[in-house]
Amino acid sequence: MNTELVGRDYKILPEVTSTNTAVKELNQEQELPEGFCLLSEYQTSGRGQYGKQWDSEPGQNLLMSLLLRPVFLSASESYRLTMSVCLALHDLGLELGFDSYIKWPNDWFYGEQKIAGVLAESSLRGSRMENCIVGIGINVRQKKFPHPQATSLSKIIGQDLAVQEVFEKLVVHLDNRYQQLRFKQYEGQHREFESILYGRDQWVPVLRDGQKLSLRCEGVNPGGELKVTWQDGRQETLQHQSIRFVF
């Protein structure tokens, strides 16, 4: 790979329980280099955020996990890594010819349909981040989904893409964004991320405690909390899972 770090060393397995779990186990057996990527054609127990299941047809999508060691980040600003990965996904979309946005906290969307999700699992040493395994699941070639709010890159651009081709494009963007992070270009990335945040410039419906409400997303904190304005004018900072966006 023509990258500084990400994807220079990678491995493909036909089947795993989940790529995040497999990377963790491999790293316990022998310390993996930073930037190592594991790809799999199928996950028997693919996981999304908060234990949700990630469904994918075998061999049709990019299922990968990336090992990083962002020791320069404190635990209180760990969300900067997720922002960086999401920006790389947005960059990939622009390279393929379409614009997109990020639905807080970690979903890549085109219109009202989800293309990909990110799952970052970190270990800490004191107040600093140590290892972080970043799982990325991108719908690449799949055409039919059990959920109407899902789509794939091939459906969006109207032509079939090879999973390996998407991986090779993505690692370049992941590497660029991670290098920015390593050189502490925090504020620039933060502004970029907030500019592609779903609900940034409009009122959007959400469910909270079973009640349908409307809010506008004002931004995010480095720890991942969402800053919002409710339609009645109240401002609040929300933790993960406190609301659910509805379409």
C-alpha atoms as a PDB file:
ATOM      1  CA  MET A   1       0.000   0.000   0.000  1.00  0.00           C
ATOM      2  CA  ASN A   2       1.203   3.496  -0.824  1.00  0.00           C
ATOM      3  CA  THR A   3       0.605   4.785   2.682  1.00  0.00           C
ATOM      4  CA  GLU A   4       2.683   5.919   5.624  1.00  0.00           C
ATOM      5  CA  LEU A   5       1.096   3.596   8.167  1.00  0.00           C
ATOM      6  CA  VAL A   6      -2.435   2.328   7.581  1.00  0.00           C
ATOM      7  CA  GLY A   7      -2.749  -0.854   5.548  1.00  0.00           C
ATOM      8  CA  ARG A   8       0.938  -1.426   4.935  1.00  0.00           C
ATOM      9  CA  ASP A   9       0.446  -4.753   6.691  1.00  0.00           C
ATOM     10  CA  TYR A  10      -2.881  -6.541   6.292  1.00  0.00           C
ATOM     11  CA  LYS A  11      -4.402  -9.985   6.345  1.00  0.00           C
ATOM     12  CA  ILE A  12      -7.556 -11.475   4.790  1.00  0.00           C
ATOM     13  CA  LEU A  13      -9.477 -14.272   6.484  1.00  0.00           C
ATOM     14  CA  PRO A  14     -12.467 -16.041   4.910  1.00  0.00           C
ATOM     15  CA  GLU A  15     -14.544 -16.019   8.112  1.00  0.00           C
ATOM     16  CA  VAL A  16     -14.310 -14.628  11.654  1.00  0.00           C
ATOM     17  CA  THR A  17     -16.722 -14.033  14.511  1.00  0.00           C
ATOM     18  CA  SER A  18     -15.991 -10.327  14.210  1.00  0.00           C
ATOM     19  CA  THR A  19     -12.972  -8.530  12.792  1.00  0.00           C
ATOM     20  CA  ASN A  20     -12.521  -6.476  15.982  1.00  0.00           C
ATOM     21  CA  THR A  21     -12.421  -9.630  18.088  1.00  0.00           C
ATOM     22  CA  ALA A  22     -10.027 -11.318  15.654  1.00  0.00           C
ATOM     23  CA  VAL A  23      -7.586  -8.379  15.738  1.00  0.00           C
ATOM     24  CA  LYS A  24      -7.671  -8.355  19.531  1.00  0.00           C
ATOM     25  CA  GLU A  25      -6.854 -12.064  19.628  1.00  0.00           C
ATOM     26  CA  LEU A  26      -4.070 -11.742  17.041  1.00  0.00           C
ATOM     27  CA  ASN A  27      -2.524  -8.855  18.960  1.00  0.00           C
ATOM     28  CA  GLN A  28      -2.551 -10.916  22.151  1.00  0.00           C
ATOM     29  CA  GLU A  29      -0.698 -13.732  20.391  1.00  0.00           C
ATOM     30  CA  GLN A  30       1.948 -11.428  18.940  1.00  0.00           C
ATOM     31  CA  GLU A  31       2.109  -7.623  19.000  1.00  0.00           C
ATOM     32  CA  LEU A  32       0.842  -6.329  15.676  1.00  0.00           C
ATOM     33  CA  PRO A  33       2.307  -3.254  13.978  1.00  0.00           C
ATOM     34  CA  GLU A  34       0.329  -0.047  14.179  1.00  0.00           C
ATOM     35  CA  GLY A  35      -1.777   0.377  11.069  1.00  0.00           C
ATOM     36  CA  PHE A  36      -2.398  -3.373  10.687  1.00  0.00           C
ATOM     37  CA  CYS A  37      -5.704  -4.186   8.973  1.00  0.00           C
ATOM     38  CA  LEU A  38      -7.694  -7.389   9.088  1.00  0.00           C
ATOM     39  CA  LEU A  39     -10.299  -8.079   6.407  1.00  0.00           C
ATOM     40  CA  SER A  40     -12.845 -10.854   6.326  1.00  0.00           C
ATOM     41  CA  GLU A  41     -15.334 -12.028   3.737  1.00  0.00           C
ATOM     42  CA  TYR A  42     -17.881 -12.921   6.412  1.00  0.00           C
ATOM     43  CA  GLN A  43     -18.547 -12.300  10.089  1.00  0.00           C
ATOM     44  CA  THR A  44     -20.618 -14.810  12.033  1.00  0.00           C
ATOM     45  CA  SER A  45     -21.205 -12.306  14.860  1.00  0.00           C
ATOM     46  CA  GLY A  46     -20.550  -8.902  13.349  1.00  0.00           C
ATOM     47  CA  ARG A  47     -21.082  -6.108  15.840  1.00  0.00           C
ATOM     48  CA  GLY A  48     -22.159  -2.521  15.492  1.00  0.00           C
ATOM     49  CA  GLN A  49     -22.299   0.188  18.112  1.00  0.00           C
ATOM     50  CA  TYR A  50     -23.788  -0.781  21.514  1.00  0.00           C
ATOM     51  CA  GLY A  51     -23.854  -4.489  20.670  1.00  0.00           C
ATOM     52  CA  LYS A  52     -26.125  -4.159  17.643  1.00  0.00           C
ATOM     53  CA  GLN A  53     -25.670  -6.827  14.998  1.00  0.00           C
ATOM     54  CA  TRP A  54     -24.079  -5.967  11.642  1.00  0.00           C
ATOM     55  CA  ASP A  55     -25.623  -8.036   8.831  1.00  0.00           C
ATOM     56  CA  SER A  56     -23.687  -8.601   5.612  1.00  0.00           C
ATOM     57  CA  GLU A  57     -23.849 -11.026   2.702  1.00  0.00           C
ATOM     58  CA  PRO A  58     -20.647 -13.113   2.372  1.00  0.00           C
ATOM     59  CA  GLY A  59     -18.017 -11.595   0.092  1.00  0.00           C
ATOM     60  CA  GLN A  60     -20.100  -8.561  -0.866  1.00  0.00           C
ATOM     61  CA  ASN A  61     -18.901  -5.914   1.553  1.00  0.00           C
ATOM     62  CA  LEU A  62     -15.773  -4.499   3.157  1.00  0.00           C
ATOM     63  CA  LEU A  63     -15.540  -5.867   6.686  1.00  0.00           C
ATOM     64  CA  MET A  64     -12.322  -4.709   8.296  1.00  0.00           C
ATOM     65  CA  SER A  65     -10.648  -3.701  11.523  1.00  0.00           C
ATOM     66  CA  LEU A  66      -7.695  -1.410  11.945  1.00  0.00           C
ATOM     67  CA  LEU A  67      -5.243  -1.376  14.860  1.00  0.00           C
ATOM     68  CA  LEU A  68      -4.019   2.060  15.959  1.00  0.00           C
ATOM     69  CA  ARG A  69      -2.043   3.305  18.947  1.00  0.00           C
ATOM     70  CA  PRO A  70      -3.176   6.918  19.408  1.00  0.00           C
ATOM     71  CA  VAL A  71      -1.179   7.483  22.599  1.00  0.00           C
ATOM     72  CA  PHE A  72      -1.198  11.214  21.840  1.00  0.00           C
ATOM     73  CA  LEU A  73      -4.920  11.369  22.664  1.00  0.00           C
ATOM     74  CA  SER A  74      -6.342  11.530  26.157  1.00  0.00           C
ATOM     75  CA  ALA A  75      -9.368   9.443  27.087  1.00  0.00           C
ATOM     76  CA  SER A  76     -11.444  12.630  27.321  1.00  0.00           C
ATOM     77  CA  GLU A  77     -10.839  13.386  23.637  1.00  0.00           C
ATOM     78  CA  SER A  78     -11.096   9.839  22.298  1.00  0.00           C
ATOM     79  CA  TYR A  79     -13.894  10.764  19.886  1.00  0.00           C
ATOM     80  CA  ARG A  80     -11.365  12.653  17.771  1.00  0.00           C
ATOM     81  CA  LEU A  81     -10.278   9.277  16.391  1.00  0.00           C
ATOM     82  CA  THR A  82     -13.832   8.381  15.338  1.00  0.00           C
ATOM     83  CA  MET A  83     -14.162  11.821  13.731  1.00  0.00           C
ATOM     84  CA  SER A  84     -10.975  11.183  11.782  1.00  0.00           C
ATOM     85  CA  VAL A  85     -12.210   7.797  10.515  1.00  0.00           C
ATOM     86  CA  CYS A  86     -15.584   9.267   9.546  1.00  0.00           C
ATOM     87  CA  LEU A  87     -13.862  12.040   7.614  1.00  0.00           C
ATOM     88  CA  ALA A  88     -11.926   9.369   5.698  1.00  0.00           C
ATOM     89  CA  LEU A  89     -15.226   7.723   4.755  1.00  0.00           C
ATOM     90  CA  HIS A  90     -16.551  11.066   3.543  1.00  0.00           C
ATOM     91  CA  ASP A  91     -13.333  11.521   1.535  1.00  0.00           C
ATOM     92  CA  LEU A  92     -13.898   8.114  -0.060  1.00  0.00           C
ATOM     93  CA  GLY A  93     -17.393   9.161  -1.111  1.00  0.00           C
ATOM     94  CA  LEU A  94     -16.055  12.323  -2.733  1.00  0.00           C
ATOM     95  CA  GLU A  95     -13.448  10.271  -4.610  1.00  0.00           C
ATOM     96  CA  LEU A  96     -16.249   8.034  -5.914  1.00  0.00           C
ATOM     97  CA  GLY A  97     -18.269  11.085  -6.975  1.00  0.00           C
ATOM     98  CA  PHE A  98     -20.925  11.656  -4.303  1.00  0.00           C
ATOM     99  CA  ASP A  99     -21.429  13.772  -1.214  1.00  0.00           C
ATOM    100  CA  SER A 100     -22.545  12.299   2.085  1.00  0.00           C
ATOM    101  CA  TYR A 101     -22.827  13.020   5.786  1.00  0.00           C
ATOM    102  CA  ILE A 102     -22.228  11.475   9.186  1.00  0.00           C
ATOM    103  CA  LYS A 103     -25.094  10.628  11.505  1.00  0.00           C
ATOM    104  CA  TRP A 104     -23.923  10.954  15.096  1.00  0.00           C
ATOM    105  CA  PRO A 105     -22.143   9.169  16.519  1.00  0.00           C
ATOM    106  CA  ASN A 106     -20.607   6.930  13.844  1.00  0.00           C
ATOM    107  CA  ASP A 107     -22.768   6.136  10.802  1.00  0.00           C
ATOM    108  CA  TRP A 108     -21.997   7.084   7.196  1.00  0.00           C
ATOM    109  CA  PHE A 109     -25.139   8.060   5.292  1.00  0.00           C
ATOM    110  CA  TYR A 110     -26.159   8.929   1.748  1.00  0.00           C
ATOM    111  CA  GLY A 111     -29.546  10.610   1.704  1.00  0.00           C
ATOM    112  CA  GLU A 112     -31.627   8.681   4.214  1.00  0.00           C
ATOM    113  CA  GLN A 113     -29.722   5.425   3.777  1.00  0.00           C
ATOM    114  CA  LYS A 114     -26.770   4.010   5.689  1.00  0.00           C
ATOM    115  CA  ILE A 115     -23.624   2.996   3.821  1.00  0.00           C
ATOM    116  CA  ALA A 116     -21.283   2.157   6.680  1.00  0.00           C
ATOM    117  CA  GLY A 117     -20.725   2.071  10.411  1.00  0.00           C
ATOM    118  CA  VAL A 118     -17.689   2.504  12.636  1.00  0.00           C
ATOM    119  CA  LEU A 119     -16.994   0.736  15.925  1.00  0.00           C
ATOM    120  CA  ALA A 120     -13.944   1.952  17.891  1.00  0.00           C
ATOM    121  CA  GLU A 121     -12.914  -0.099  20.918  1.00  0.00           C
ATOM    122  CA  SER A 122     -10.086   1.352  23.003  1.00  0.00           C
ATOM    123  CA  SER A 123      -7.868   0.333  25.874  1.00  0.00           C
ATOM    124  CA  LEU A 124      -6.373   2.970  28.166  1.00  0.00           C
ATOM    125  CA  ARG A 125      -3.157   3.406  30.055  1.00  0.00           C
ATOM    126  CA  GLY A 126      -3.945   5.847  32.830  1.00  0.00           C
ATOM    127  CA  SER A 127      -5.683   8.830  31.265  1.00  0.00           C
ATOM    128  CA  ARG A 128      -4.235   8.207  27.785  1.00  0.00           C
ATOM    129  CA  MET A 129      -5.398   6.009  24.950  1.00  0.00           C
ATOM    130  CA  GLU A 130      -3.245   2.968  24.240  1.00  0.00           C
ATOM    131  CA  ASN A 131      -4.553   0.481  21.671  1.00  0.00           C
ATOM    132  CA  CYS A 132      -7.645   1.230  19.610  1.00  0.00           C
ATOM    133  CA  ILE A 133      -9.250  -1.302  17.288  1.00  0.00           C
ATOM    134  CA  VAL A 134     -11.451   0.445  14.733  1.00  0.00           C
ATOM    135  CA  GLY A 135     -14.020  -1.739  13.017  1.00  0.00           C
ATOM    136  CA  ILE A 136     -15.412  -0.469   9.715  1.00  0.00           C
ATOM    137  CA  GLY A 137     -18.221  -2.131   7.799  1.00  0.00           C
ATOM    138  CA  ILE A 138     -18.967  -0.682   4.350  1.00  0.00           C
ATOM    139  CA  ASN A 139     -21.717  -1.958   2.071  1.00  0.00           C
ATOM    140  CA  VAL A 140     -19.907  -2.289  -1.262  1.00  0.00           C
ATOM    141  CA  ARG A 141     -21.605  -4.699  -3.692  1.00  0.00           C
ATOM    142  CA  GLN A 142     -24.710  -5.864  -1.835  1.00  0.00           C
ATOM    143  CA  LYS A 143     -27.947  -4.932  -3.610  1.00  0.00           C
ATOM    144  CA  LYS A 144     -30.674  -6.226  -1.283  1.00  0.00           C
ATOM    145  CA  PHE A 145     -30.893  -5.484   2.436  1.00  0.00           C
ATOM    146  CA  PRO A 146     -33.170  -6.592   5.258  1.00  0.00           C
ATOM    147  CA  HIS A 147     -33.496  -2.919   6.268  1.00  0.00           C
ATOM    148  CA  PRO A 148     -34.849  -0.250   3.878  1.00  0.00           C
ATOM    149  CA  GLN A 149     -32.476   2.350   5.351  1.00  0.00           C
ATOM    150  CA  ALA A 150     -29.382   0.620   3.942  1.00  0.00           C
ATOM    151  CA  THR A 151     -27.590   1.075   0.643  1.00  0.00           C
ATOM    152  CA  SER A 152     -24.232   0.254  -0.913  1.00  0.00           C
ATOM    153  CA  LEU A 153     -21.543   2.074  -2.845  1.00  0.00           C
ATOM    154  CA  SER A 154     -22.372   0.114  -5.996  1.00  0.00           C
ATOM    155  CA  LYS A 155     -26.025   1.149  -5.797  1.00  0.00           C
ATOM    156  CA  ILE A 156     -25.112   4.795  -5.224  1.00  0.00           C
ATOM    157  CA  ILE A 157     -22.698   5.149  -8.152  1.00  0.00           C
ATOM    158  CA  GLY A 158     -24.530   2.727 -10.446  1.00  0.00           C
ATOM    159  CA  GLN A 159     -21.652   0.342 -11.086  1.00  0.00           C
ATOM    160  CA  ASP A 160     -20.117  -2.662  -9.373  1.00  0.00           C
ATOM    161  CA  LEU A 161     -17.027  -2.081  -7.274  1.00  0.00           C
ATOM    162  CA  ALA A 162     -14.541  -4.680  -6.099  1.00  0.00           C
ATOM    163  CA  VAL A 163     -14.178  -4.932  -2.323  1.00  0.00           C
ATOM    164  CA  GLN A 164     -10.369  -4.919  -2.629  1.00  0.00           C
ATOM    165  CA  GLU A 165     -10.528  -1.758  -4.741  1.00  0.00           C
ATOM    166  CA  VAL A 166     -12.569   0.016  -2.078  1.00  0.00           C
ATOM    167  CA  PHE A 167     -10.140  -1.130   0.628  1.00  0.00           C
ATOM    168  CA  GLU A 168      -7.148   0.205  -1.305  1.00  0.00           C
ATOM    169  CA  LYS A 169      -8.831   3.574  -1.788  1.00  0.00           C
ATOM    170  CA  LEU A 170     -10.026   3.783   1.807  1.00  0.00           C
ATOM    171  CA  VAL A 171      -6.664   3.091   3.471  1.00  0.00           C
ATOM    172  CA  VAL A 172      -5.156   6.100   1.680  1.00  0.00           C
ATOM    173  CA  HIS A 173      -7.824   8.373   3.186  1.00  0.00           C
ATOM    174  CA  LEU A 174      -7.562   6.706   6.607  1.00  0.00           C
ATOM    175  CA  ASP A 175      -3.807   7.193   6.555  1.00  0.00           C
ATOM    176  CA  ASN A 176      -4.066  10.856   5.535  1.00  0.00           C
ATOM    177  CA  ARG A 177      -6.598  11.627   8.253  1.00  0.00           C
ATOM    178  CA  TYR A 178      -4.669   9.734  10.920  1.00  0.00           C
ATOM    179  CA  GLN A 179      -1.465  11.593  10.034  1.00  0.00           C
ATOM    180  CA  GLN A 180      -3.371  14.870  10.464  1.00  0.00           C
ATOM    181  CA  LEU A 181      -4.461  13.655  13.884  1.00  0.00           C
ATOM    182  CA  ARG A 182      -0.923  12.645  14.860  1.00  0.00           C
ATOM    183  CA  PHE A 183       0.260  16.143  13.972  1.00  0.00           C
ATOM    184  CA  LYS A 184      -2.483  17.573  16.191  1.00  0.00           C
ATOM    185  CA  GLN A 185      -4.565  19.193  13.467  1.00  0.00           C
ATOM    186  CA  TYR A 186      -7.490  18.847  15.838  1.00  0.00           C
ATOM    187  CA  GLU A 187      -9.423  22.028  15.210  1.00  0.00           C
ATOM    188  CA  GLY A 188      -9.383  21.707  11.431  1.00  0.00           C
ATOM    189  CA  GLN A 189     -10.687  18.146  11.573  1.00  0.00           C
ATOM    190  CA  HIS A 190     -13.255  19.117  14.190  1.00  0.00           C
ATOM    191  CA  ARG A 191     -14.660  21.887  11.979  1.00  0.00           C
ATOM    192  CA  GLU A 192     -14.748  19.585   8.957  1.00  0.00           C
ATOM    193  CA  PHE A 193     -16.556  16.878  10.892  1.00  0.00           C
ATOM    194  CA  GLU A 194     -19.182  19.269  12.223  1.00  0.00           C
ATOM    195  CA  SER A 195     -19.771  20.607   8.700  1.00  0.00           C
ATOM    196  CA  ILE A 196     -20.892  17.137   7.501  1.00  0.00           C
ATOM    197  CA  LEU A 197     -22.906  16.288  10.619  1.00  0.00           C
ATOM    198  CA  TYR A 198     -26.497  15.210   9.981  1.00  0.00           C
ATOM    199  CA  GLY A 199     -28.981  17.762  11.290  1.00  0.00           C
ATOM    200  CA  ARG A 200     -26.431  20.567  11.357  1.00  0.00           C
ATOM    201  CA  ASP A 201     -28.485  23.062   9.345  1.00  0.00           C
ATOM    202  CA  GLN A 202     -32.027  21.789   9.747  1.00  0.00           C
ATOM    203  CA  TRP A 203     -34.542  20.538  12.277  1.00  0.00           C
ATOM    204  CA  VAL A 204     -34.544  16.750  12.344  1.00  0.00           C
ATOM    205  CA  PRO A 205     -36.893  14.326  14.131  1.00  0.00           C
ATOM    206  CA  VAL A 206     -35.679  12.128  16.982  1.00  0.00           C
ATOM    207  CA  LEU A 207     -37.176   9.776  19.514  1.00  0.00           C
ATOM    208  CA  ARG A 208     -36.473  10.389  23.182  1.00  0.00           C
ATOM    209  CA  ASP A 209     -38.110   8.246  25.839  1.00  0.00           C
ATOM    210  CA  GLY A 210     -40.729   7.226  23.291  1.00  0.00           C
ATOM    211  CA  GLN A 211     -41.609  10.819  22.409  1.00  0.00           C
ATOM    212  CA  LYS A 212     -41.029  12.268  18.939  1.00  0.00           C
ATOM    213  CA  LEU A 213     -39.250  15.648  19.075  1.00  0.00           C
ATOM    214  CA  SER A 214     -37.214  17.878  16.770  1.00  0.00           C
ATOM    215  CA  LEU A 215     -33.711  19.217  17.269  1.00  0.00           C
ATOM    216  CA  ARG A 216     -30.816  20.801  15.439  1.00  0.00           C
ATOM    217  CA  CYS A 217     -27.284  19.450  15.848  1.00  0.00           C
ATOM    218  CA  GLU A 218     -24.892  22.228  16.821  1.00  0.00           C
ATOM    219  CA  GLY A 219     -21.685  20.209  17.130  1.00  0.00           C
ATOM    220  CA  VAL A 220     -19.855  17.561  19.106  1.00  0.00           C
ATOM    221  CA  ASN A 221     -17.429  17.547  22.010  1.00  0.00           C
ATOM    222  CA  PRO A 222     -14.031  15.800  21.743  1.00  0.00           C
ATOM    223  CA  GLY A 223     -15.423  13.142  24.088  1.00  0.00           C
ATOM    224  CA  GLY A 224     -18.268  12.399  21.670  1.00  0.00           C
ATOM    225  CA  GLU A 225     -21.227  14.175  23.295  1.00  0.00           C
ATOM    226  CA  LEU A 226     -23.666  15.849  20.889  1.00  0.00           C
ATOM    227  CA  LYS A 227     -24.567  19.523  21.373  1.00  0.00           C
ATOM    228  CA  VAL A 228     -28.133  20.260  20.268  1.00  0.00           C
ATOM    229  CA  THR A 229     -30.820  22.914  20.254  1.00  0.00           C
ATOM    230  CA  TRP A 230     -34.364  21.666  20.747  1.00  0.00           C
ATOM    231  CA  GLN A 231     -37.148  23.258  18.709  1.00  0.00           C
ATOM    232  CA  ASP A 232     -38.433  25.039  21.815  1.00  0.00           C
ATOM    233  CA  GLY A 233     -35.064  26.799  22.137  1.00  0.00           C
ATOM    234  CA  ARG A 234     -33.517  24.690  24.903  1.00  0.00           C
ATOM    235  CA  GLN A 235     -29.875  23.742  24.480  1.00  0.00           C
ATOM    236  CA  GLU A 236     -28.475  20.468  25.761  1.00  0.00           C
ATOM    237  CA  THR A 237     -25.472  18.174  25.507  1.00  0.00           C
ATOM    238  CA  LEU A 238     -26.486  14.565  24.865  1.00  0.00           C
ATOM    239  CA  GLN A 239     -24.760  11.300  25.693  1.00  0.00           C
ATOM    240  CA  HIS A 240     -24.719   8.335  23.309  1.00  0.00           C
ATOM    241  CA  GLN A 241     -27.978   6.384  23.137  1.00  0.00           C
ATOM    242  CA  SER A 242     -30.020   9.162  24.725  1.00  0.00           C
ATOM    243  CA  ILE A 243     -31.879   9.777  21.435  1.00  0.00           C
ATOM    244  CA  ARG A 244     -32.588   7.942  18.205  1.00  0.00           C
ATOM    245  CA  PHE A 245     -32.809   9.709  14.869  1.00  0.00           C
ATOM    246  CA  VAL A 246     -35.868   8.790  12.804  1.00  0.00           C
ATOM    247  CA  PHE A 247     -36.423   9.131   9.072  1.00  0.00           C
END
